[in-house]
Every structure is written in structure tokens, then in C-alpha cells.
Amino acid sequence: MIFLTISNSSFALAPNQGATCPANFSQSSLTNADYSSLVSAVNTNNYVTVAGNAAGSIPLQIRMTTSELNGPPTTGSFSVQTIGSNNAFNILRDFPSVTSVTSIDLDFRNKLTEQPIFLTNVAMSAFDIDYVSNTGNSFDDYVLFTGVTESGATIDGSFQPLTASGSNILSFREVNTARATFPGLGLYINGANGDECTGNNLDTKCQGSVQFSEPVRSVKVRYSNANFRITQQNPTNQQIFFRVDNYCYVPQYIFSGTVFDDNGGITAAQANANEPNFTTGTYNNANYFNGVFNSPSESGIVGSTVRLVSCANTSTTYATQPSGTGATIGQYQFSVPLSTFGTNRSICLIESRTGTTYPVRTTSDNINTGFATTTYNYPSRNFGRVIPENAALVLRKFQFVNDCSTALNYNIITTTSDPRTGFSTEGINGNIVPGQCIAYRITATNRANTPITNSVVQDRLQEKGQNGALVTSILANPVASTTDYASDSVPIGQNGLVKTNPFPLNQRTSRDFYFNTKYGTTNGNP
């Protein structure tokens, strides 16, 4: 072989006739930079993200590996060569035997899902496919492109003739008792018209092109000797070039996330619905109930269903999926083409579940994805829930026996263990003296790391004969705040429902509500 760098335009590669895509498909090929990045990672078992030229609509990664049969070569390399304005992969070999084979495998996967991706109309070309006539050392290049389909079948690339460009390459399967039985429809130079290709170039004379008739998830490029003879002793230095001319893919929009237990790692045994302390202890936890999936301390949960819907009309469902189990617990993922949505561009995700497990939400059940046709990946659309014992809001009710003075100042009453000396959560020992009142302080604590909005606190006053009550209580003065209570809350002097106006409660804060009640004579504790 003679290796020369030739950039004359007469050696320009010919267009692969199979480099076409159906309607609604994105079309791409490798950029010059892609060739370099792939070769730099060959045999590392790493997938390389391919930039391509389809504006990100094809989320392709490729892993490249080489293998040898009846080898390895005495010397050789696998590299990138720049010829004119085009990069190409170069296989250079001093094969130890005329029966030696070098293979290059290209495995395709989706960089978003890390699952195999099936590319349509994959088109490839090989160059410098030649032979020399010396029977003592000739090595007649034979290049076979095969692909693996969705069914797992292996197919040959379909030959794409370039006769109008002066190519002498044919596609054939040779069976000869004096030679070998070749594995498929490979590329081979026409012996009647061909000769040795000179120099390092992409000359169309020695160019052969193929296209795969079905979508494939991987391609093997097999380089071997097509026409070895018993008398051959030394195959000499050999080389070919090859390029990835084309691949097509229907762009998919991927929506994914996890339905998770937003417990900050607090176990069910540690959870306590009545624990109001968020400054020390179990609930002094920045990840608890924060609306964020904090892995690995938090995990996904099963039992939910996620729907991909129209935001304007949530009954319009494009896809439905249960949250995952096992290794993918809580996870969901939708992969859909743009045609799924018709003309709609307002796309939401809605999570729901049946049963009584994890009834408390820590996030909205409806997420607007922020959909745009130029954005293909929408990850981490997560939905949080917790068990009842990990609910954000904790209500504590304190009581204080008082003389019904309208000058009662709630703010100076201390918290004690005895409800006759201050606000206490303990019961009242002994009877209430006629004319006395019981004041209540309800403390609402948000121990979560997200705010609570639009909360309402309600408390129904005792009514004789209801739920075992021995007396009827009525609302009494003083009123702590006229703005705290709703217009339909029980008025002074009557029995009924004490009800606050809706109020916000910021994360890790508390708020107190006060009211006073007057009782009749009672036997036993109220």
C-alpha cells in the first residue's frame, strides 16, 4: 500500500444514495468532531454522546469496540483521518494471516433513557476497497456491514450502487470450495475494472455504500480478505476507511420522574403525627417534606398512576402509566412523538392513587411540563407524598381555666402543666365553678420545609348530649382577633363551630389562635 494525503476534488466521496429519511423523521450524520470523540473512547465500554447535525432531536450515543479473528494484527491502528473537509474512520492492519478479520461494532443507545435506540435508514460507506494482483501476497478487501434489528435479527446492509460516480465496487457473497464461504453481501472491487487504490483518499472508484432496510440498534463493520488463496503467504499492510453517512429517527419527547416518599429518610417507626418540634429531634431535617426528591435518603413508592394530559382539558389523556416497582420503584416515563399532541402545546402531568396509603401530598398533583417543540427531554417531574404520621401540619390544643374577664390578655398567659395556672395540654382536675370559662389556644405548626397555603382551623364547641358531652359551651369574650375568624364562625354567646379564615403558614413556623368558652355547671372533667 502507498499512503499519500490527497485533497484533489477528483477524489471527493460520492453521495450515498441511501442517505434519505421519510417524512416527519429527523435526519443526521456524524460530524467531524464525532469521529474524533468516538475513536478516543474505543474499547473503553463507554457510550459517547453524538452531536450530529439534527439540532438535538436525535438523542444518540454510540459505543465502539473492536475485535479480531485470527489475530491480533502484527501492526496496525484504528484512527480518524481527515481527507479534504471530511473525517473518516481508518482501519490500518498488517494482518498475520490471510484468514484474519477485524470487526468494528457500533452500538446505539438513547442518551436520555439509556436504552437501545433504533435508527432508520442507517447508511454507511467504505473506501479504499481494493486488491492487488500478486498472488503471493495479495489481500482482496472485503467489507461487510451488518445490523441488528428490533426483532434481534441480523441483516446485511443493502448495496447502494454508485456507478454514475465511477465506482467499481460490487456487493457479493462468494462461495468457493478453494476459498471461504463469506458471511453476507459484502463489498468487493470489480476485478475486471478495478486495481489497487492509491493513497489515503476517499476516491469514489473504490467507494462502496449501503443502507439498512430496517431500523437497527447496532452495526458491525467486518473487514477481511475476500479472495484468499492457498498460495498466499503474507497479506501485507492493508487499510480501509468508512463513514456513517446518514441515520433517521422520529423525534421523541420524553417526560419522566418519580412518585416518592418525601420523608427526608424518617422511617415509619420514627414518624409521629403529634411531634411539633422542628428545631431538634426527628423533624429537624432539611429534606423532610420539602417537595424535592432527595435520593438516596428518600425512595420511590408504588401504587400511583401518572397521566400525560392536555393542561386545558385534563380529561384529554395522551398516555397513562403506573409508578414503577422493583428496581424502578416509583418511576414513570413517557416517550411520545409530537404527533401525539396534535396542535396542542400545553402539556401537563397528573398523579393520582387509590387506597389509603401515602394520603398526604407534598407537591401539586398537576405539573405543567413547560412543553416546547425544541425541547425533547423533561426529566425530574416528581410527585411527593408522605404517610399521615409525617403530615406537615401539627395542631395542639391548650386550655386555661379563667374567670371570664373581658380584660383577659391571652398573650401574657404562660404555658404550664396545670390548666388552672396557664395554658396546658393536661386535663382539668375537679369541677368547673359556675361562671368560670375555659380559654383555648390552638397552635398550628408547619414543621415541613415548604409553606402551607390556604389552611383553615376548625373546632366545634361542646354540646350537651353530643359525643358524651355533659354540658353545652358557648363562645365568650374576649375576642383575640376579629380578623382571625371567618364570618360564618360561631358568634359570641352561641354554641357552634369555631372557624378561622384561610391563612398561610410558612415553612417551619407556628401560629396561635385563641378563643374563650363559657360552661354551665358540670360533674367531671370537660
Protein backbone atom coordinates (compact mmCIF):
# COMPACT_ATOMS: atom_id res chain seq x y z
CA MET A 1 0.00 0.00 0.00
CA ILE A 2 1.13 3.56 -0.74
CA PHE A 3 -0.17 6.17 1.75
CA LEU A 4 -0.40 9.70 0.45
CA THR A 5 -2.56 12.63 1.54
CA ILE A 6 -4.59 13.67 -1.49
CA SER A 7 -7.11 16.51 -1.38
CA ASN A 8 -7.78 16.89 -5.10
CA SER A 9 -11.52 17.32 -5.74
CA SER A 10 -11.46 14.44 -8.20
CA PHE A 11 -11.17 12.17 -5.16
CA ALA A 12 -14.25 13.59 -3.42
CA LEU A 13 -16.57 10.98 -1.98
CA ALA A 14 -19.86 10.31 -3.78
CA PRO A 15 -23.20 10.86 -2.02
CA ASN A 16 -24.66 7.67 -0.60
CA GLN A 17 -27.93 7.13 -2.47
CA GLY A 18 -29.43 5.63 0.68
CA ALA A 19 -28.89 8.79 2.74
CA THR A 20 -32.57 9.70 2.82
CA CYS A 21 -35.24 9.97 5.52
CA PRO A 22 -39.03 9.52 5.46
CA ALA A 23 -41.37 12.43 6.16
CA ASN A 24 -41.59 13.55 9.83
CA PHE A 25 -38.20 12.00 10.62
CA SER A 26 -35.16 13.93 11.77
CA GLN A 27 -32.08 13.34 9.65
CA SER A 28 -28.47 13.38 10.81
CA SER A 29 -24.96 12.11 10.25
CA LEU A 30 -21.74 12.20 12.24
CA THR A 31 -19.90 15.49 12.45
CA ASN A 32 -16.12 15.59 12.06
CA ALA A 33 -15.84 16.08 15.83
CA ASP A 34 -18.00 12.98 16.42
CA TYR A 35 -15.46 10.81 14.58
CA SER A 36 -12.68 12.01 16.87
CA SER A 37 -14.66 11.62 20.11
CA LEU A 38 -15.72 8.09 19.19
CA VAL A 39 -12.22 6.90 18.37
CA SER A 40 -10.90 8.40 21.62
CA ALA A 41 -13.29 6.13 23.55
CA VAL A 42 -12.96 2.95 21.51
CA ASN A 43 -12.79 -0.23 23.62
CA THR A 44 -13.48 1.68 26.86
CA ASN A 45 -17.06 0.33 27.04
CA ASN A 46 -18.22 3.96 27.28
CA TYR A 47 -21.04 5.43 25.26
CA VAL A 48 -20.19 8.73 23.58
CA THR A 49 -22.83 11.38 23.04
CA VAL A 50 -23.08 12.16 19.34
CA ALA A 51 -23.60 15.81 18.42
CA GLY A 52 -24.82 15.07 14.90
CA ASN A 53 -26.48 17.80 12.91
CA ALA A 54 -30.15 17.37 13.82
CA ALA A 55 -30.36 20.16 16.44
CA GLY A 56 -30.65 17.74 19.36
CA SER A 57 -33.72 15.93 18.04
CA ILE A 58 -31.90 12.58 17.92
CA PRO A 59 -30.58 11.70 21.41
CA LEU A 60 -27.90 9.33 20.15
CA GLN A 61 -24.96 7.77 21.96
CA ILE A 62 -22.57 5.27 20.35
CA ARG A 63 -20.22 2.74 21.91
CA MET A 64 -17.40 1.48 19.67
CA THR A 65 -15.47 -1.73 20.17
CA THR A 66 -13.01 -3.65 18.04
CA SER A 67 -12.45 -7.39 17.84
CA GLU A 68 -10.07 -9.66 15.95
CA LEU A 69 -10.37 -13.11 14.41
CA ASN A 70 -7.12 -14.97 13.70
CA GLY A 71 -5.23 -12.00 15.08
CA PRO A 72 -4.29 -9.63 16.53
CA PRO A 73 -2.56 -7.81 13.67
CA THR A 74 1.21 -7.64 13.65
CA THR A 75 0.92 -3.85 13.46
CA GLY A 76 -1.96 -1.52 12.85
CA SER A 77 -4.24 1.18 14.18
CA PHE A 78 -7.80 2.37 14.35
CA SER A 79 -7.91 6.12 13.93
CA VAL A 80 -9.57 9.13 12.35
CA GLN A 81 -8.20 10.54 9.11
CA THR A 82 -9.09 13.96 7.74
CA ILE A 83 -9.26 13.91 3.97
CA GLY A 84 -10.21 17.17 2.36
CA SER A 85 -13.03 18.51 4.53
CA ASN A 86 -14.25 15.09 5.69
CA ASN A 87 -13.28 12.85 8.58
CA ALA A 88 -13.43 9.08 8.27
CA PHE A 89 -12.58 6.07 10.42
CA ASN A 90 -9.42 4.33 9.25
CA ILE A 91 -8.62 0.65 9.85
CA LEU A 92 -4.93 0.01 9.17
CA ARG A 93 -3.75 -3.58 9.52
CA ASP A 94 -0.73 -5.77 8.92
CA PHE A 95 -2.74 -8.96 9.22
CA PRO A 96 -0.85 -12.04 10.46
CA SER A 97 -2.88 -14.33 8.21
CA VAL A 98 -4.93 -14.17 5.07
CA THR A 99 -7.80 -15.51 7.20
CA SER A 100 -7.60 -12.64 9.71
CA VAL A 101 -10.66 -10.45 10.33
CA THR A 102 -11.06 -7.10 12.09
CA SER A 103 -14.55 -6.03 13.21
CA ILE A 104 -15.76 -2.68 14.48
CA ASP A 105 -19.03 -2.68 16.43
CA LEU A 106 -21.15 0.44 16.82
CA ASP A 107 -23.87 0.08 19.48
CA PHE A 108 -26.59 2.74 19.57
CA ARG A 109 -28.49 3.88 22.64
CA ASN A 110 -30.79 6.72 23.64
CA LYS A 111 -28.83 9.13 25.84
CA LEU A 112 -32.00 10.12 27.72
CA THR A 113 -33.31 6.65 28.56
CA GLU A 114 -30.02 4.73 28.27
CA GLN A 115 -31.95 2.09 26.33
CA PRO A 116 -31.20 0.86 22.77
CA ILE A 117 -32.30 3.31 20.11
CA PHE A 118 -33.40 2.01 16.70
CA LEU A 119 -32.26 4.21 13.84
CA THR A 120 -33.95 4.16 10.46
CA ASN A 121 -32.17 4.23 7.07
CA VAL A 122 -28.71 3.94 8.56
CA ALA A 123 -26.42 4.49 5.56
CA MET A 124 -22.67 3.86 5.53
CA SER A 125 -19.82 3.94 3.05
CA ALA A 126 -16.43 2.24 2.90
CA PHE A 127 -13.44 3.50 0.89
CA ASP A 128 -10.14 2.14 -0.42
CA ILE A 129 -11.69 -1.29 -1.05
CA ASP A 130 -9.08 -2.75 -3.39
CA TYR A 131 -6.92 -5.72 -4.32
CA VAL A 132 -3.51 -6.37 -5.76
CA SER A 133 -2.88 -8.97 -8.41
CA ASN A 134 0.23 -10.55 -6.88
CA THR A 135 -0.98 -13.99 -5.83
CA GLY A 136 1.84 -14.35 -3.37
CA ASN A 137 0.86 -11.51 -1.11
CA SER A 138 -2.44 -10.13 -2.30
CA PHE A 139 -5.20 -9.29 0.13
CA ASP A 140 -8.50 -8.61 -1.59
CA ASP A 141 -10.52 -6.29 0.63
CA TYR A 142 -13.96 -7.48 1.64
CA VAL A 143 -16.14 -5.17 3.77
CA LEU A 144 -19.42 -6.39 5.24
CA PHE A 145 -21.90 -4.13 7.05
CA THR A 146 -24.47 -5.95 9.22
CA GLY A 147 -27.09 -4.57 11.62
CA VAL A 148 -29.28 -5.90 14.42
CA THR A 149 -32.99 -5.15 14.11
CA GLU A 150 -35.76 -4.70 16.70
CA SER A 151 -36.58 -8.41 16.43
CA GLY A 152 -32.96 -9.32 17.16
CA ALA A 153 -32.32 -10.49 13.60
CA THR A 154 -29.04 -9.71 11.84
CA ILE A 155 -29.38 -8.19 8.38
CA ASP A 156 -26.91 -7.10 5.73
CA GLY A 157 -26.71 -3.55 4.55
CA SER A 158 -28.42 -3.15 1.18
CA PHE A 159 -25.97 -2.22 -1.57
CA GLN A 160 -26.34 1.29 -2.97
CA PRO A 161 -24.76 1.40 -6.47
CA LEU A 162 -22.59 4.41 -7.26
CA THR A 163 -21.95 3.57 -10.91
CA ALA A 164 -22.72 7.13 -12.03
CA SER A 165 -19.80 8.26 -9.89
CA GLY A 166 -17.38 5.75 -11.39
CA SER A 167 -17.32 3.26 -8.50
CA ASN A 168 -16.03 -0.23 -9.25
CA ILE A 169 -17.39 -1.72 -6.03
CA LEU A 170 -19.87 -4.58 -6.12
CA SER A 171 -21.83 -6.44 -3.47
CA PHE A 172 -21.45 -10.20 -3.43
CA ARG A 173 -21.47 -13.40 -1.40
CA GLU A 174 -18.79 -15.76 -2.66
CA VAL A 175 -18.93 -19.50 -2.11
CA ASN A 176 -15.94 -21.44 -3.42
CA THR A 177 -14.51 -24.71 -2.18
CA ALA A 178 -10.99 -23.39 -2.65
CA ARG A 179 -11.69 -20.27 -0.65
CA ALA A 180 -14.18 -19.41 2.07
CA THR A 181 -17.91 -19.09 2.46
CA PHE A 182 -18.43 -15.41 3.16
CA PRO A 183 -21.00 -14.41 5.78
CA GLY A 184 -23.08 -11.91 3.86
CA LEU A 185 -23.45 -9.49 0.99
CA GLY A 186 -20.16 -7.66 1.39
CA LEU A 187 -18.42 -5.01 -0.70
CA TYR A 188 -15.73 -6.09 -3.13
CA ILE A 189 -13.99 -4.40 -6.06
CA ASN A 190 -14.91 -5.37 -9.59
CA GLY A 191 -11.87 -7.39 -10.73
CA ALA A 192 -12.49 -6.58 -14.36
CA ASN A 193 -12.22 -2.83 -13.86
CA GLY A 194 -10.52 -2.35 -10.53
CA ASP A 195 -7.00 -2.16 -9.35
CA GLU A 196 -5.17 -1.05 -6.25
CA CYS A 197 -6.49 2.21 -4.78
CA THR A 198 -3.68 4.67 -4.30
CA GLY A 199 -3.07 6.93 -1.34
CA ASN A 200 -5.14 7.99 1.64
CA ASN A 201 -8.27 9.24 -0.03
CA LEU A 202 -11.99 8.82 -0.36
CA ASP A 203 -11.83 8.11 -4.08
CA THR A 204 -15.23 7.11 -5.45
CA LYS A 205 -13.54 4.48 -7.64
CA CYS A 206 -13.05 2.35 -4.53
CA GLN A 207 -16.15 3.51 -2.61
CA GLY A 208 -18.96 1.17 -1.68
CA SER A 209 -22.18 2.28 0.06
CA VAL A 210 -25.01 0.51 1.87
CA GLN A 211 -28.26 1.31 3.64
CA PHE A 212 -30.14 -0.81 6.15
CA SER A 213 -33.69 -1.58 5.07
CA GLU A 214 -34.94 -1.88 8.68
CA PRO A 215 -34.28 0.14 11.85
CA VAL A 216 -31.17 -1.15 13.62
CA ARG A 217 -29.78 -0.79 17.14
CA SER A 218 -26.19 -1.67 16.21
CA VAL A 219 -23.92 -2.05 13.20
CA LYS A 220 -20.88 -4.28 12.66
CA VAL A 221 -18.22 -3.36 10.11
CA ARG A 222 -16.30 -6.54 9.20
CA TYR A 223 -13.03 -6.17 7.29
CA SER A 224 -11.44 -9.32 5.86
CA ASN A 225 -9.83 -10.91 2.80
CA ALA A 226 -12.34 -11.75 0.12
CA ASN A 227 -10.23 -13.81 -2.23
CA PHE A 228 -7.52 -15.58 -0.23
CA ARG A 229 -5.68 -18.39 -1.93
CA ILE A 230 -3.86 -21.38 -0.56
CA THR A 231 -0.63 -19.96 -2.03
CA GLN A 232 -0.92 -16.65 -0.21
CA GLN A 233 1.70 -16.25 2.48
CA ASN A 234 1.75 -12.57 3.51
CA PRO A 235 -1.28 -10.30 3.32
CA THR A 236 0.92 -7.17 3.74
CA ASN A 237 -0.31 -3.84 5.12
CA GLN A 238 -3.97 -3.23 4.39
CA GLN A 239 -6.44 -0.44 5.11
CA ILE A 240 -9.96 0.77 4.54
CA PHE A 241 -11.89 3.89 5.54
CA PHE A 242 -15.54 4.05 6.49
CA ARG A 243 -18.07 6.75 7.29
CA VAL A 244 -21.56 6.99 8.77
CA ASP A 245 -23.45 8.86 6.06
CA ASN A 246 -26.94 9.01 7.48
CA TYR A 247 -29.45 7.96 10.12
CA CYS A 248 -33.09 8.89 10.73
CA TYR A 249 -35.30 8.98 13.80
CA VAL A 250 -38.78 10.19 14.70
CA PRO A 251 -38.09 12.74 17.49
CA GLN A 252 -39.47 11.59 20.81
CA TYR A 253 -40.48 13.84 23.69
CA ILE A 254 -39.60 12.19 26.98
CA PHE A 255 -41.38 13.01 30.24
CA SER A 256 -40.11 11.25 33.34
CA GLY A 257 -40.00 11.43 37.10
CA THR A 258 -40.63 9.60 40.35
CA VAL A 259 -43.53 9.37 42.77
CA PHE A 260 -41.62 9.43 46.05
CA ASP A 261 -41.91 9.35 49.82
CA ASP A 262 -40.92 12.88 50.84
CA ASN A 263 -39.96 11.79 54.36
CA GLY A 264 -36.36 13.00 54.40
CA GLY A 265 -35.37 9.47 55.39
CA ILE A 266 -37.58 9.45 58.51
CA THR A 267 -38.72 5.84 58.93
CA ALA A 268 -42.29 4.81 59.66
CA ALA A 269 -41.20 3.82 63.17
CA GLN A 270 -39.78 7.31 63.78
CA ALA A 271 -42.73 9.18 62.29
CA ASN A 272 -45.01 10.97 64.77
CA ALA A 273 -48.07 12.92 63.75
CA ASN A 274 -48.14 14.78 67.08
CA GLU A 275 -44.49 15.84 67.26
CA PRO A 276 -44.42 19.64 66.75
CA ASN A 277 -40.70 20.22 67.25
CA PHE A 278 -38.81 21.17 64.11
CA THR A 279 -35.72 22.67 65.75
CA THR A 280 -34.37 19.49 67.35
CA GLY A 281 -35.02 15.80 67.05
CA THR A 282 -36.58 13.82 64.23
CA TYR A 283 -38.13 16.70 62.31
CA ASN A 284 -35.05 18.91 62.37
CA ASN A 285 -34.49 17.58 58.86
CA ALA A 286 -33.93 19.81 55.82
CA ASN A 287 -35.08 17.08 53.38
CA TYR A 288 -38.32 16.18 55.14
CA PHE A 289 -41.45 17.39 53.33
CA ASN A 290 -39.55 19.80 51.07
CA GLY A 291 -41.15 18.85 47.76
CA VAL A 292 -37.81 17.64 46.40
CA PHE A 293 -36.81 14.05 45.71
CA ASN A 294 -33.68 13.68 47.83
CA SER A 295 -32.16 10.35 46.81
CA PRO A 296 -30.85 8.11 48.30
CA SER A 297 -32.38 9.02 51.67
CA GLU A 298 -35.81 9.09 50.02
CA SER A 299 -37.22 6.40 47.76
CA GLY A 300 -39.99 5.94 45.24
CA ILE A 301 -43.37 4.49 46.16
CA VAL A 302 -45.70 2.16 44.28
CA GLY A 303 -49.43 2.48 43.78
CA SER A 304 -49.72 5.75 41.85
CA THR A 305 -50.83 6.40 38.29
CA VAL A 306 -49.41 9.23 36.19
CA ARG A 307 -51.24 10.63 33.18
CA LEU A 308 -49.89 12.78 30.35
CA VAL A 309 -52.72 15.20 29.58
CA SER A 310 -53.79 18.46 28.00
CA CYS A 311 -53.47 21.25 30.55
CA ALA A 312 -56.57 22.96 29.15
CA ASN A 313 -58.71 19.83 29.38
CA THR A 314 -57.25 17.22 31.71
CA SER A 315 -59.77 14.63 30.54
CA THR A 316 -57.77 14.54 27.30
CA THR A 317 -55.23 11.86 28.16
CA TYR A 318 -52.34 11.11 25.82
CA ALA A 319 -50.73 8.33 27.85
CA THR A 320 -51.07 6.62 31.24
CA GLN A 321 -48.55 4.71 33.30
CA PRO A 322 -48.38 3.25 36.84
CA SER A 323 -45.43 4.15 39.03
CA GLY A 324 -42.73 1.50 38.77
CA THR A 325 -41.89 -1.37 41.08
CA GLY A 326 -38.71 -3.21 41.98
CA ALA A 327 -35.54 -1.56 40.69
CA THR A 328 -37.61 1.27 39.14
CA ILE A 329 -39.87 1.80 42.15
CA GLY A 330 -41.95 4.95 41.83
CA GLN A 331 -40.56 5.83 38.40
CA TYR A 332 -42.54 6.65 35.27
CA GLN A 333 -41.50 7.62 31.75
CA PHE A 334 -43.43 8.62 28.64
CA SER A 335 -41.76 8.70 25.22
CA VAL A 336 -44.08 10.09 22.55
CA PRO A 337 -43.76 11.74 19.13
CA LEU A 338 -45.00 15.28 18.54
CA SER A 339 -47.94 13.94 16.54
CA THR A 340 -49.40 12.59 19.80
CA PHE A 341 -50.41 16.12 20.81
CA GLY A 342 -51.88 17.30 17.53
CA THR A 343 -51.84 21.10 17.62
CA ASN A 344 -51.83 21.30 21.43
CA ARG A 345 -48.65 22.62 23.05
CA SER A 346 -49.86 22.91 26.65
CA ILE A 347 -48.95 19.58 28.24
CA CYS A 348 -49.36 18.57 31.89
CA LEU A 349 -48.70 15.55 34.10
CA ILE A 350 -51.24 14.44 36.72
CA GLU A 351 -50.58 11.93 39.51
CA SER A 352 -53.28 10.06 41.43
CA ARG A 353 -53.68 6.94 43.53
CA THR A 354 -56.36 4.77 45.03
CA GLY A 355 -56.41 3.35 48.54
CA THR A 356 -55.32 5.00 51.77
CA THR A 357 -51.54 4.74 51.64
CA TYR A 358 -49.49 7.94 51.47
CA PRO A 359 -52.55 10.22 51.52
CA VAL A 360 -50.69 13.48 52.21
CA ARG A 361 -49.25 15.35 49.24
CA THR A 362 -46.04 17.37 49.46
CA THR A 363 -46.24 18.62 45.87
CA SER A 364 -49.01 19.53 43.47
CA ASP A 365 -50.79 16.67 41.75
CA ASN A 366 -50.64 18.63 38.47
CA ILE A 367 -47.33 19.64 36.88
CA ASN A 368 -47.19 21.86 33.80
CA THR A 369 -44.28 20.42 31.82
CA GLY A 370 -43.35 23.73 30.16
CA PHE A 371 -43.51 21.98 26.80
CA ALA A 372 -41.70 23.43 23.77
CA THR A 373 -41.21 21.69 20.42
CA THR A 374 -37.46 22.40 20.51
CA THR A 375 -37.01 20.73 23.91
CA TYR A 376 -37.07 16.94 23.87
CA ASN A 377 -36.39 15.93 27.47
CA TYR A 378 -38.49 16.75 30.56
CA PRO A 379 -36.87 14.90 33.48
CA SER A 380 -37.43 15.08 37.24
CA ARG A 381 -41.16 15.85 37.09
CA ASN A 382 -41.56 14.33 40.53
CA PHE A 383 -44.58 13.91 42.80
CA GLY A 384 -44.14 13.78 46.59
CA ARG A 385 -46.30 12.13 49.25
CA VAL A 386 -45.97 11.08 52.90
CA ILE A 387 -47.78 8.85 55.37
CA PRO A 388 -50.23 10.54 57.84
CA GLU A 389 -47.67 10.41 60.66
CA ASN A 390 -45.39 12.64 58.58
CA ALA A 391 -48.03 15.26 57.73
CA ALA A 392 -46.70 18.82 57.77
CA LEU A 393 -49.36 20.43 59.96
CA VAL A 394 -49.48 19.65 63.67
CA LEU A 395 -52.33 21.09 65.79
CA ARG A 396 -52.03 21.25 69.58
CA LYS A 397 -54.90 22.38 71.82
CA PHE A 398 -54.16 24.05 75.18
CA GLN A 399 -56.77 25.05 77.80
CA PHE A 400 -56.82 27.56 80.66
CA VAL A 401 -59.50 27.94 83.33
CA ASN A 402 -60.32 31.63 83.82
CA ASP A 403 -62.94 33.93 85.43
CA CYS A 404 -64.45 35.12 82.11
CA SER A 405 -62.98 38.61 82.43
CA THR A 406 -63.28 40.62 79.25
CA ALA A 407 -59.82 42.02 80.08
CA LEU A 408 -58.19 38.61 79.72
CA ASN A 409 -54.86 39.00 77.89
CA TYR A 410 -54.07 35.81 76.03
CA ASN A 411 -50.51 36.89 75.22
CA ILE A 412 -49.31 37.01 78.83
CA ILE A 413 -50.69 33.65 79.86
CA THR A 414 -47.82 31.25 80.33
CA THR A 415 -47.66 27.61 79.31
CA THR A 416 -47.78 25.33 82.34
CA SER A 417 -48.62 21.78 83.35
CA ASP A 418 -51.74 22.89 85.24
CA PRO A 419 -54.65 24.34 83.22
CA ARG A 420 -55.73 26.34 86.27
CA THR A 421 -52.49 28.37 86.23
CA GLY A 422 -51.81 28.70 82.50
CA PHE A 423 -52.31 27.13 79.09
CA SER A 424 -51.84 23.39 79.39
CA THR A 425 -52.46 20.25 77.40
CA GLU A 426 -53.37 18.41 80.63
CA GLY A 427 -56.93 17.66 81.72
CA ILE A 428 -58.79 19.81 84.29
CA ASN A 429 -58.92 18.07 87.65
CA GLY A 430 -62.15 18.76 89.52
CA ASN A 431 -65.30 20.62 88.64
CA ILE A 432 -65.55 23.93 86.89
CA VAL A 433 -67.01 26.58 89.20
CA PRO A 434 -70.22 28.10 87.82
CA GLY A 435 -69.41 31.30 85.98
CA GLN A 436 -65.91 30.23 85.05
CA CYS A 437 -64.66 29.94 81.47
CA ILE A 438 -62.12 27.82 79.66
CA ALA A 439 -59.89 29.64 77.18
CA TYR A 440 -58.25 27.69 74.37
CA ARG A 441 -55.07 28.20 72.43
CA ILE A 442 -54.73 26.19 69.25
CA THR A 443 -51.17 26.17 67.97
CA ALA A 444 -50.80 25.33 64.29
CA THR A 445 -47.24 24.26 63.47
CA ASN A 446 -45.89 23.74 60.00
CA ARG A 447 -42.88 21.51 60.58
CA ALA A 448 -42.30 20.99 56.85
CA ASN A 449 -39.71 22.66 54.64
CA THR A 450 -42.39 24.05 52.32
CA PRO A 451 -45.11 26.61 53.10
CA ILE A 452 -48.70 25.63 53.69
CA THR A 453 -51.23 27.82 51.90
CA ASN A 454 -54.91 28.34 52.47
CA SER A 455 -55.18 26.48 55.79
CA VAL A 456 -58.33 26.56 57.95
CA VAL A 457 -58.55 25.53 61.63
CA GLN A 458 -61.94 24.42 62.96
CA ASP A 459 -63.11 23.37 66.43
CA ARG A 460 -66.69 22.51 67.40
CA LEU A 461 -67.77 23.59 70.88
CA GLN A 462 -69.25 21.01 73.22
CA GLU A 463 -72.99 20.46 73.04
CA LYS A 464 -74.80 18.51 75.74
CA GLY A 465 -75.74 15.04 74.61
CA GLN A 466 -73.36 15.08 71.63
CA ASN A 467 -70.37 12.77 71.77
CA GLY A 468 -70.87 12.18 75.51
CA ALA A 469 -70.77 15.89 76.46
CA LEU A 470 -72.45 16.74 79.79
CA VAL A 471 -72.84 20.48 79.17
CA THR A 472 -73.18 22.93 76.36
CA SER A 473 -70.48 25.53 75.95
CA ILE A 474 -70.87 28.90 74.29
CA LEU A 475 -68.33 31.28 72.79
CA ALA A 476 -67.37 34.05 75.23
CA ASN A 477 -65.38 37.29 75.21
CA PRO A 478 -62.71 38.41 74.85
CA VAL A 479 -62.11 38.01 71.11
CA ALA A 480 -58.37 37.75 70.46
CA SER A 481 -58.53 38.92 66.85
CA THR A 482 -61.54 39.83 64.78
CA THR A 483 -59.60 39.10 61.56
CA ASP A 484 -58.62 35.55 62.51
CA TYR A 485 -62.11 34.09 62.37
CA ALA A 486 -64.42 33.58 59.43
CA SER A 487 -67.76 35.34 59.03
CA ASP A 488 -69.57 32.03 59.43
CA SER A 489 -67.70 31.19 62.68
CA VAL A 490 -69.93 30.85 65.76
CA PRO A 491 -70.83 34.29 67.25
CA ILE A 492 -70.36 35.30 70.89
CA GLY A 493 -72.96 33.76 73.18
CA GLN A 494 -73.79 30.82 70.93
CA ASN A 495 -72.76 27.22 70.51
CA GLY A 496 -71.35 26.01 67.21
CA LEU A 497 -68.24 25.78 65.06
CA VAL A 498 -65.22 27.99 65.68
CA LYS A 499 -63.62 28.51 62.26
CA THR A 500 -60.65 30.58 61.12
CA ASN A 501 -60.23 32.44 57.88
CA PRO A 502 -57.88 30.71 55.42
CA PHE A 503 -54.30 31.56 56.32
CA PRO A 504 -50.78 30.79 55.05
CA LEU A 505 -48.21 29.17 57.28
CA ASN A 506 -44.60 29.46 56.21
CA GLN A 507 -42.22 26.54 56.45
CA ARG A 508 -41.00 25.64 59.94
CA THR A 509 -43.19 28.20 61.70
CA SER A 510 -46.13 28.20 64.15
CA ARG A 511 -49.21 30.34 64.66
CA ASP A 512 -51.56 30.60 67.64
CA PHE A 513 -55.34 31.08 67.66
CA TYR A 514 -57.28 31.96 70.84
CA PHE A 515 -60.91 31.81 71.89
CA ASN A 516 -62.81 31.66 75.17
CA THR A 517 -65.78 29.48 76.11
CA LYS A 518 -68.28 29.55 78.97
CA TYR A 519 -69.67 26.37 80.52
CA GLY A 520 -72.64 25.53 82.71
CA THR A 521 -72.17 23.52 85.92
CA THR A 522 -70.56 20.14 85.23
CA ASN A 523 -69.70 16.99 87.10
CA GLY A 524 -66.36 15.65 85.97
CA ASN A 525 -63.81 16.99 83.54
CA PRO A 526 -64.92 18.88 80.41
